PDB file of N, CA and C in Angstrom:
ATOM      1  N   MET A   1       0.398   9.054   1.929  1.00  0.00           N
ATOM      2  CA  MET A   1       0.920   8.837   0.601  1.00  0.00           C
ATOM      3  C   MET A   1       1.490  10.174   0.127  1.00  0.00           C
ATOM      4  N   ALA A   2       2.685  10.120  -0.379  1.00  0.00           N
ATOM      5  CA  ALA A   2       3.336  11.320  -0.889  1.00  0.00           C
ATOM      6  C   ALA A   2       3.452  11.221  -2.402  1.00  0.00           C
ATOM      7  N   VAL A   3       3.232  12.321  -3.071  1.00  0.00           N
ATOM      8  CA  VAL A   3       3.336  12.360  -4.519  1.00  0.00           C
ATOM      9  C   VAL A   3       4.540  13.229  -4.872  1.00  0.00           C
ATOM     10  N   ALA A   4       5.403  12.712  -5.723  1.00  0.00           N
ATOM     11  CA  ALA A   4       6.589  13.456  -6.153  1.00  0.00           C
ATOM     12  C   ALA A   4       6.590  13.534  -7.669  1.00  0.00           C
ATOM     13  N   ALA A   5       6.738  14.741  -8.199  1.00  0.00           N
ATOM     14  CA  ALA A   5       6.809  14.929  -9.648  1.00  0.00           C
ATOM     15  C   ALA A   5       8.271  15.010 -10.050  1.00  0.00           C
ATOM     16  N   GLY A   6       8.608  14.333 -11.136  1.00  0.00           N
ATOM     17  CA  GLY A   6       9.962  14.389 -11.665  1.00  0.00           C
ATOM     18  C   GLY A   6       9.921  14.856 -13.104  1.00  0.00           C
ATOM     19  N   TYR A   7      10.972  15.510 -13.545  1.00  0.00           N
ATOM     20  CA  TYR A   7      11.016  16.036 -14.893  1.00  0.00           C
ATOM     21  C   TYR A   7      12.214  15.427 -15.612  1.00  0.00           C
ATOM     22  N   GLY A   8      11.978  14.927 -16.808  1.00  0.00           N
ATOM     23  CA  GLY A   8      13.046  14.324 -17.589  1.00  0.00           C
ATOM     24  C   GLY A   8      12.839  14.584 -19.064  1.00  0.00           C
ATOM     25  N   THR A   9      13.594  13.878 -19.887  1.00  0.00           N
ATOM     26  CA  THR A   9      13.498  14.080 -21.333  1.00  0.00           C
ATOM     27  C   THR A   9      12.166  13.603 -21.885  1.00  0.00           C
ATOM     28  N   ALA A  10      11.541  12.649 -21.202  1.00  0.00           N
ATOM     29  CA  ALA A  10      10.257  12.124 -21.656  1.00  0.00           C
ATOM     30  C   ALA A  10       9.080  12.950 -21.143  1.00  0.00           C
ATOM     31  N   GLY A  11       9.356  13.962 -20.338  1.00  0.00           N
ATOM     32  CA  GLY A  11       8.279  14.787 -19.800  1.00  0.00           C
ATOM     33  C   GLY A  11       8.184  14.642 -18.300  1.00  0.00           C
ATOM     34  N   VAL A  12       6.998  14.830 -17.788  1.00  0.00           N
ATOM     35  CA  VAL A  12       6.772  14.776 -16.349  1.00  0.00           C
ATOM     36  C   VAL A  12       6.405  13.357 -15.947  1.00  0.00           C
ATOM     37  N   SER A  13       7.041  12.862 -14.907  1.00  0.00           N
ATOM     38  CA  SER A  13       6.663  11.562 -14.359  1.00  0.00           C
ATOM     39  C   SER A  13       6.244  11.773 -12.906  1.00  0.00           C
ATOM     40  N   VAL A  14       5.224  11.079 -12.512  1.00  0.00           N
ATOM     41  CA  VAL A  14       4.713  11.206 -11.154  1.00  0.00           C
ATOM     42  C   VAL A  14       4.910   9.877 -10.446  1.00  0.00           C
ATOM     43  N   LYS A  15       5.517   9.944  -9.274  1.00  0.00           N
ATOM     44  CA  LYS A  15       5.737   8.747  -8.474  1.00  0.00           C
ATOM     45  C   LYS A  15       4.987   8.894  -7.163  1.00  0.00           C
ATOM     46  N   ILE A  16       4.342   7.826  -6.743  1.00  0.00           N
ATOM     47  CA  ILE A  16       3.620   7.823  -5.483  1.00  0.00           C
ATOM     48  C   ILE A  16       4.426   6.996  -4.494  1.00  0.00           C
ATOM     49  N   ARG A  17       4.739   7.605  -3.377  1.00  0.00           N
ATOM     50  CA  ARG A  17       5.477   6.904  -2.333  1.00  0.00           C
ATOM     51  C   ARG A  17       4.591   6.795  -1.109  1.00  0.00           C
ATOM     52  N   ARG A  18       4.407   5.594  -0.630  1.00  0.00           N
ATOM     53  CA  ARG A  18       3.598   5.388   0.565  1.00  0.00           C
ATOM     54  C   ARG A  18       4.478   5.481   1.802  1.00  0.00           C
ATOM     55  N   LYS A  19       3.982   6.156   2.813  1.00  0.00           N
ATOM     56  CA  LYS A  19       4.701   6.266   4.070  1.00  0.00           C
ATOM     57  C   LYS A  19       4.252   5.157   5.004  1.00  0.00           C
ATOM     58  N   ALA A  20       5.147   4.748   5.860  1.00  0.00           N
ATOM     59  CA  ALA A  20       4.785   3.783   6.905  1.00  0.00           C
ATOM     60  C   ALA A  20       3.799   4.451   7.857  1.00  0.00           C
ATOM     61  N   ARG A  21       2.947   3.666   8.460  1.00  0.00           N
ATOM     62  CA  ARG A  21       1.931   4.222   9.355  1.00  0.00           C
ATOM     63  C   ARG A  21       2.569   5.021  10.486  1.00  0.00           C
ATOM     64  N   THR A  22       3.745   4.636  10.923  1.00  0.00           N
ATOM     65  CA  THR A  22       4.419   5.361  12.003  1.00  0.00           C
ATOM     66  C   THR A  22       4.856   6.757  11.567  1.00  0.00           C
ATOM     67  N   GLU A  23       4.922   7.018  10.253  1.00  0.00           N
ATOM     68  CA  GLU A  23       5.320   8.320   9.736  1.00  0.00           C
ATOM     69  C   GLU A  23       4.127   9.214   9.381  1.00  0.00           C
ATOM     70  N   TRP A  24       2.910   8.718   9.526  1.00  0.00           N
ATOM     71  CA  TRP A  24       1.731   9.524   9.221  1.00  0.00           C
ATOM     72  C   TRP A  24       1.636  10.675  10.205  1.00  0.00           C
ATOM     73  N   LEU A  25       1.103  11.808   9.753  1.00  0.00           N
ATOM     74  CA  LEU A  25       0.915  12.943  10.636  1.00  0.00           C
ATOM     75  C   LEU A  25      -0.222  12.698  11.623  1.00  0.00           C
ATOM     76  N   THR A  26      -1.273  12.029  11.166  1.00  0.00           N
ATOM     77  CA  THR A  26      -2.409  11.756  12.029  1.00  0.00           C
ATOM     78  C   THR A  26      -3.112  10.481  11.598  1.00  0.00           C
ATOM     79  N   LEU A  27      -3.742   9.831  12.535  1.00  0.00           N
ATOM     80  CA  LEU A  27      -4.561   8.644  12.289  1.00  0.00           C
ATOM     81  C   LEU A  27      -5.711   8.690  13.278  1.00  0.00           C
ATOM     82  N   LYS A  28      -6.927   8.778  12.754  1.00  0.00           N
ATOM     83  CA  LYS A  28      -8.093   8.911  13.616  1.00  0.00           C
ATOM     84  C   LYS A  28      -9.084   7.796  13.320  1.00  0.00           C
ATOM     85  N   PRO A  29      -8.849   6.604  13.863  1.00  0.00           N
ATOM     86  CA  PRO A  29      -9.796   5.517  13.620  1.00  0.00           C
ATOM     87  C   PRO A  29     -11.154   5.827  14.253  1.00  0.00           C
ATOM     88  N   ASN A  30     -12.189   5.341  13.603  1.00  0.00           N
ATOM     89  CA  ASN A  30     -13.570   5.498  14.073  1.00  0.00           C
ATOM     90  C   ASN A  30     -14.037   6.952  14.091  1.00  0.00           C
ATOM     91  N   THR A  31     -13.379   7.835  13.307  1.00  0.00           N
ATOM     92  CA  THR A  31     -13.816   9.223  13.224  1.00  0.00           C
ATOM     93  C   THR A  31     -15.110   9.325  12.419  1.00  0.00           C
ATOM     94  N   HIS A  32     -15.197   8.539  11.350  1.00  0.00           N
ATOM     95  CA  HIS A  32     -16.383   8.510  10.512  1.00  0.00           C
ATOM     96  C   HIS A  32     -16.921   7.087  10.457  1.00  0.00           C
ATOM     97  N   GLU A  33     -18.199   6.974  10.186  1.00  0.00           N
ATOM     98  CA  GLU A  33     -18.799   5.654  10.031  1.00  0.00           C
ATOM     99  C   GLU A  33     -18.221   5.012   8.777  1.00  0.00           C
ATOM    100  N   GLY A  34     -17.789   3.776   8.889  1.00  0.00           N
ATOM    101  CA  GLY A  34     -17.191   3.093   7.756  1.00  0.00           C
ATOM    102  C   GLY A  34     -18.038   1.922   7.296  1.00  0.00           C
ATOM    103  N   TYR A  35     -17.611   1.308   6.192  1.00  0.00           N
ATOM    104  CA  TYR A  35     -18.301   0.117   5.696  1.00  0.00           C
ATOM    105  C   TYR A  35     -17.988  -1.081   6.567  1.00  0.00           C
ATOM    106  N   VAL A  36     -16.789  -1.105   7.127  1.00  0.00           N
ATOM    107  CA  VAL A  36     -16.387  -2.179   8.037  1.00  0.00           C
ATOM    108  C   VAL A  36     -15.836  -1.539   9.300  1.00  0.00           C
ATOM    109  N   SER A  37     -15.791  -2.290  10.378  1.00  0.00           N
ATOM    110  CA  SER A  37     -15.246  -1.766  11.628  1.00  0.00           C
ATOM    111  C   SER A  37     -13.731  -1.626  11.512  1.00  0.00           C
ATOM    112  N   TRP A  38     -13.150  -0.832  12.417  1.00  0.00           N
ATOM    113  CA  TRP A  38     -11.704  -0.642  12.406  1.00  0.00           C
ATOM    114  C   TRP A  38     -10.979  -1.968  12.630  1.00  0.00           C
ATOM    115  N   ASP A  39     -11.485  -2.799  13.533  1.00  0.00           N
ATOM    116  CA  ASP A  39     -10.863  -4.107  13.789  1.00  0.00           C
ATOM    117  C   ASP A  39     -10.907  -4.988  12.552  1.00  0.00           C
ATOM    118  N   ARG A  40     -12.037  -4.975  11.850  1.00  0.00           N
ATOM    119  CA  ARG A  40     -12.166  -5.770  10.618  1.00  0.00           C
ATOM    120  C   ARG A  40     -11.215  -5.239   9.542  1.00  0.00           C
ATOM    121  N   PHE A  41     -11.096  -3.930   9.419  1.00  0.00           N
ATOM    122  CA  PHE A  41     -10.167  -3.331   8.468  1.00  0.00           C
ATOM    123  C   PHE A  41      -8.739  -3.776   8.750  1.00  0.00           C
ATOM    124  N   GLU A  42      -8.341  -3.734  10.015  1.00  0.00           N
ATOM    125  CA  GLU A  42      -6.988  -4.154  10.385  1.00  0.00           C
ATOM    126  C   GLU A  42      -6.767  -5.630  10.054  1.00  0.00           C
ATOM    127  N   ALA A  43      -7.763  -6.466  10.294  1.00  0.00           N
ATOM    128  CA  ALA A  43      -7.638  -7.894   9.982  1.00  0.00           C
ATOM    129  C   ALA A  43      -7.477  -8.101   8.477  1.00  0.00           C
ATOM    130  N   ILE A  44      -8.252  -7.385   7.677  1.00  0.00           N
ATOM    131  CA  ILE A  44      -8.166  -7.501   6.214  1.00  0.00           C
ATOM    132  C   ILE A  44      -6.811  -6.985   5.732  1.00  0.00           C
ATOM    133  N   ARG A  45      -6.359  -5.845   6.273  1.00  0.00           N
ATOM    134  CA  ARG A  45      -5.076  -5.273   5.875  1.00  0.00           C
ATOM    135  C   ARG A  45      -3.930  -6.233   6.183  1.00  0.00           C
ATOM    136  N   THR A  46      -3.971  -6.852   7.341  1.00  0.00           N
ATOM    137  CA  THR A  46      -2.943  -7.824   7.716  1.00  0.00           C
ATOM    138  C   THR A  46      -2.976  -9.026   6.787  1.00  0.00           C
ATOM    139  N   MET A  47      -4.168  -9.523   6.485  1.00  0.00           N
ATOM    140  CA  MET A  47      -4.307 -10.675   5.604  1.00  0.00           C
ATOM    141  C   MET A  47      -3.763 -10.369   4.209  1.00  0.00           C
ATOM    142  N   VAL A  48      -4.102  -9.200   3.670  1.00  0.00           N
ATOM    143  CA  VAL A  48      -3.656  -8.837   2.325  1.00  0.00           C
ATOM    144  C   VAL A  48      -2.144  -8.607   2.305  1.00  0.00           C
ATOM    145  N   SER A  49      -1.616  -7.910   3.303  1.00  0.00           N
ATOM    146  CA  SER A  49      -0.181  -7.623   3.298  1.00  0.00           C
ATOM    147  C   SER A  49       0.649  -8.880   3.512  1.00  0.00           C
ATOM    148  N   SER A  50       0.112  -9.883   4.200  1.00  0.00           N
ATOM    149  CA  SER A  50       0.857 -11.130   4.373  1.00  0.00           C
ATOM    150  C   SER A  50       0.767 -12.008   3.129  1.00  0.00           C
ATOM    151  N   ASN A  51      -0.077 -11.632   2.194  1.00  0.00           N
ATOM    152  CA  ASN A  51      -0.260 -12.400   0.962  1.00  0.00           C
ATOM    153  C   ASN A  51       0.613 -11.875  -0.177  1.00  0.00           C
ATOM    154  N   VAL A  52       1.390 -10.837   0.068  1.00  0.00           N
ATOM    155  CA  VAL A  52       2.254 -10.256  -0.955  1.00  0.00           C
ATOM    156  C   VAL A  52       3.500 -11.124  -1.097  1.00  0.00           C
ATOM    157  N   PRO A  53       3.818 -11.549  -2.319  1.00  0.00           N
ATOM    158  CA  PRO A  53       5.012 -12.384  -2.490  1.00  0.00           C
ATOM    159  C   PRO A  53       6.277 -11.605  -2.143  1.00  0.00           C
ATOM    160  N   THR A  54       7.173 -12.241  -1.403  1.00  0.00           N
ATOM    161  CA  THR A  54       8.400 -11.579  -1.007  1.00  0.00           C
ATOM    162  C   THR A  54       9.601 -12.051  -1.813  1.00  0.00           C
ATOM    163  N   GLY A  55       9.471 -13.176  -2.476  1.00  0.00           N
ATOM    164  CA  GLY A  55      10.574 -13.688  -3.260  1.00  0.00           C
ATOM    165  C   GLY A  55      10.531 -13.187  -4.689  1.00  0.00           C
ATOM    166  N   ARG A  56      11.427 -13.688  -5.504  1.00  0.00           N
ATOM    167  CA  ARG A  56      11.448 -13.259  -6.900  1.00  0.00           C
ATOM    168  C   ARG A  56      10.559 -14.133  -7.770  1.00  0.00           C
ATOM    169  N   HIS A  57       9.962 -15.166  -7.193  1.00  0.00           N
ATOM    170  CA  HIS A  57       9.106 -16.075  -7.948  1.00  0.00           C
ATOM    171  C   HIS A  57       7.654 -15.663  -7.781  1.00  0.00           C
ATOM    172  N   HIS A  58       7.007 -15.353  -8.876  1.00  0.00           N
ATOM    173  CA  HIS A  58       5.604 -14.946  -8.851  1.00  0.00           C
ATOM    174  C   HIS A  58       4.824 -15.840  -9.797  1.00  0.00           C
ATOM    175  N   GLY A  59       3.606 -16.130  -9.438  1.00  0.00           N
ATOM    176  CA  GLY A  59       2.748 -16.911 -10.328  1.00  0.00           C
ATOM    177  C   GLY A  59       2.963 -18.403 -10.173  1.00  0.00           C
ATOM    178  N   ARG A  60       2.482 -19.140 -11.151  1.00  0.00           N
ATOM    179  CA  ARG A  60       2.529 -20.592 -11.063  1.00  0.00           C
ATOM    180  C   ARG A  60       3.939 -21.110 -11.320  1.00  0.00           C
ATOM    181  N   ALA A  61       4.171 -22.340 -10.927  1.00  0.00           N
ATOM    182  CA  ALA A  61       5.474 -22.962 -11.147  1.00  0.00           C
ATOM    183  C   ALA A  61       5.671 -23.214 -12.638  1.00  0.00           C
ATOM    184  N   GLN A  62       6.868 -23.027 -13.094  1.00  0.00           N
ATOM    185  CA  GLN A  62       7.193 -23.227 -14.510  1.00  0.00           C
ATOM    186  C   GLN A  62       7.856 -24.580 -14.724  1.00  0.00           C
ATOM    187  N   ALA A  63       7.513 -25.241 -15.836  1.00  0.00           N
ATOM    188  CA  ALA A  63       8.149 -26.510 -16.186  1.00  0.00           C
ATOM    189  C   ALA A  63       9.569 -26.233 -16.645  1.00  0.00           C
ATOM    190  N   ARG A  64      10.491 -27.095 -16.263  1.00  0.00           N
ATOM    191  CA  ARG A  64      11.890 -26.895 -16.677  1.00  0.00           C
ATOM    192  C   ARG A  64      12.334 -27.976 -17.584  1.00  0.00           C
TER     193      ARG A  64
END
Protein backbone atom coordinates (compact mmCIF):
# COMPACT_ATOMS: atom_id res chain seq x y z
CA MET A 1 0.00 0.00 0.00
CA ALA A 2 1.40 3.37 -0.97
CA VAL A 3 0.43 6.62 0.69
CA ALA A 4 0.57 9.85 -1.30
CA ALA A 5 0.05 13.30 0.22
CA GLY A 6 -1.42 16.04 -1.93
CA TYR A 7 -1.64 19.74 -1.22
CA GLY A 8 -4.47 21.96 -2.39
CA THR A 9 -6.59 24.93 -1.39
CA ALA A 10 -8.47 22.81 1.14
CA GLY A 11 -5.25 21.68 2.82
CA VAL A 12 -3.51 18.34 2.82
CA SER A 13 -5.26 15.32 1.37
CA VAL A 14 -3.94 11.81 1.77
CA LYS A 15 -4.67 9.12 -0.78
CA ILE A 16 -3.96 5.44 -0.28
CA ARG A 17 -3.12 3.46 -3.38
CA ARG A 18 -2.95 -0.30 -3.20
CA LYS A 19 -0.40 -2.09 -5.33
CA ALA A 20 -1.08 -5.34 -7.11
CA ARG A 21 0.52 -8.33 -5.42
CA THR A 22 2.88 -8.70 -8.38
CA GLU A 23 4.27 -5.22 -7.59
CA TRP A 24 5.01 -5.92 -3.91
CA LEU A 25 8.66 -5.84 -2.90
CA THR A 26 8.32 -8.96 -0.78
CA LEU A 27 5.76 -11.55 0.28
CA LYS A 28 6.63 -14.06 2.97
CA PRO A 29 3.70 -16.38 3.67
CA ASN A 30 3.88 -18.46 6.84
CA THR A 31 6.65 -16.24 8.29
CA HIS A 32 4.62 -15.66 11.45
CA GLU A 33 1.90 -17.68 13.10
CA GLY A 34 -1.45 -16.36 11.93
CA TYR A 35 -5.07 -16.63 13.00
CA VAL A 36 -5.83 -18.59 9.84
CA SER A 37 -3.63 -20.63 7.53
CA TRP A 38 -2.23 -19.10 4.35
CA ASP A 39 -4.49 -21.34 2.22
CA ARG A 40 -7.55 -20.25 4.21
CA PHE A 41 -6.54 -16.59 3.86
CA GLU A 42 -6.23 -16.98 0.09
CA ALA A 43 -9.66 -18.65 -0.08
CA ILE A 44 -11.25 -15.83 1.95
CA ARG A 45 -9.48 -13.15 -0.13
CA THR A 46 -10.71 -14.73 -3.36
CA MET A 47 -14.25 -15.03 -2.01
CA VAL A 48 -14.35 -11.39 -0.87
CA SER A 49 -12.77 -10.00 -4.05
CA SER A 50 -15.22 -11.93 -6.24
CA ASN A 51 -18.07 -10.40 -4.22
CA VAL A 52 -17.19 -6.81 -5.19
CA PRO A 53 -19.77 -5.33 -7.57
CA THR A 54 -18.29 -4.55 -10.96
CA GLY A 55 -21.23 -2.78 -12.53
CA ARG A 56 -22.72 0.60 -11.78
CA HIS A 57 -25.70 -0.94 -9.98
CA HIS A 58 -25.22 -1.34 -6.24
CA GLY A 59 -27.69 -2.40 -3.60
CA ARG A 60 -31.24 -3.60 -4.01
CA ALA A 61 -33.29 -3.26 -7.17
CA GLN A 62 -35.22 -0.01 -7.45
CA ALA A 63 -38.89 0.23 -8.44
CA ARG A 64 -39.43 2.14 -11.67
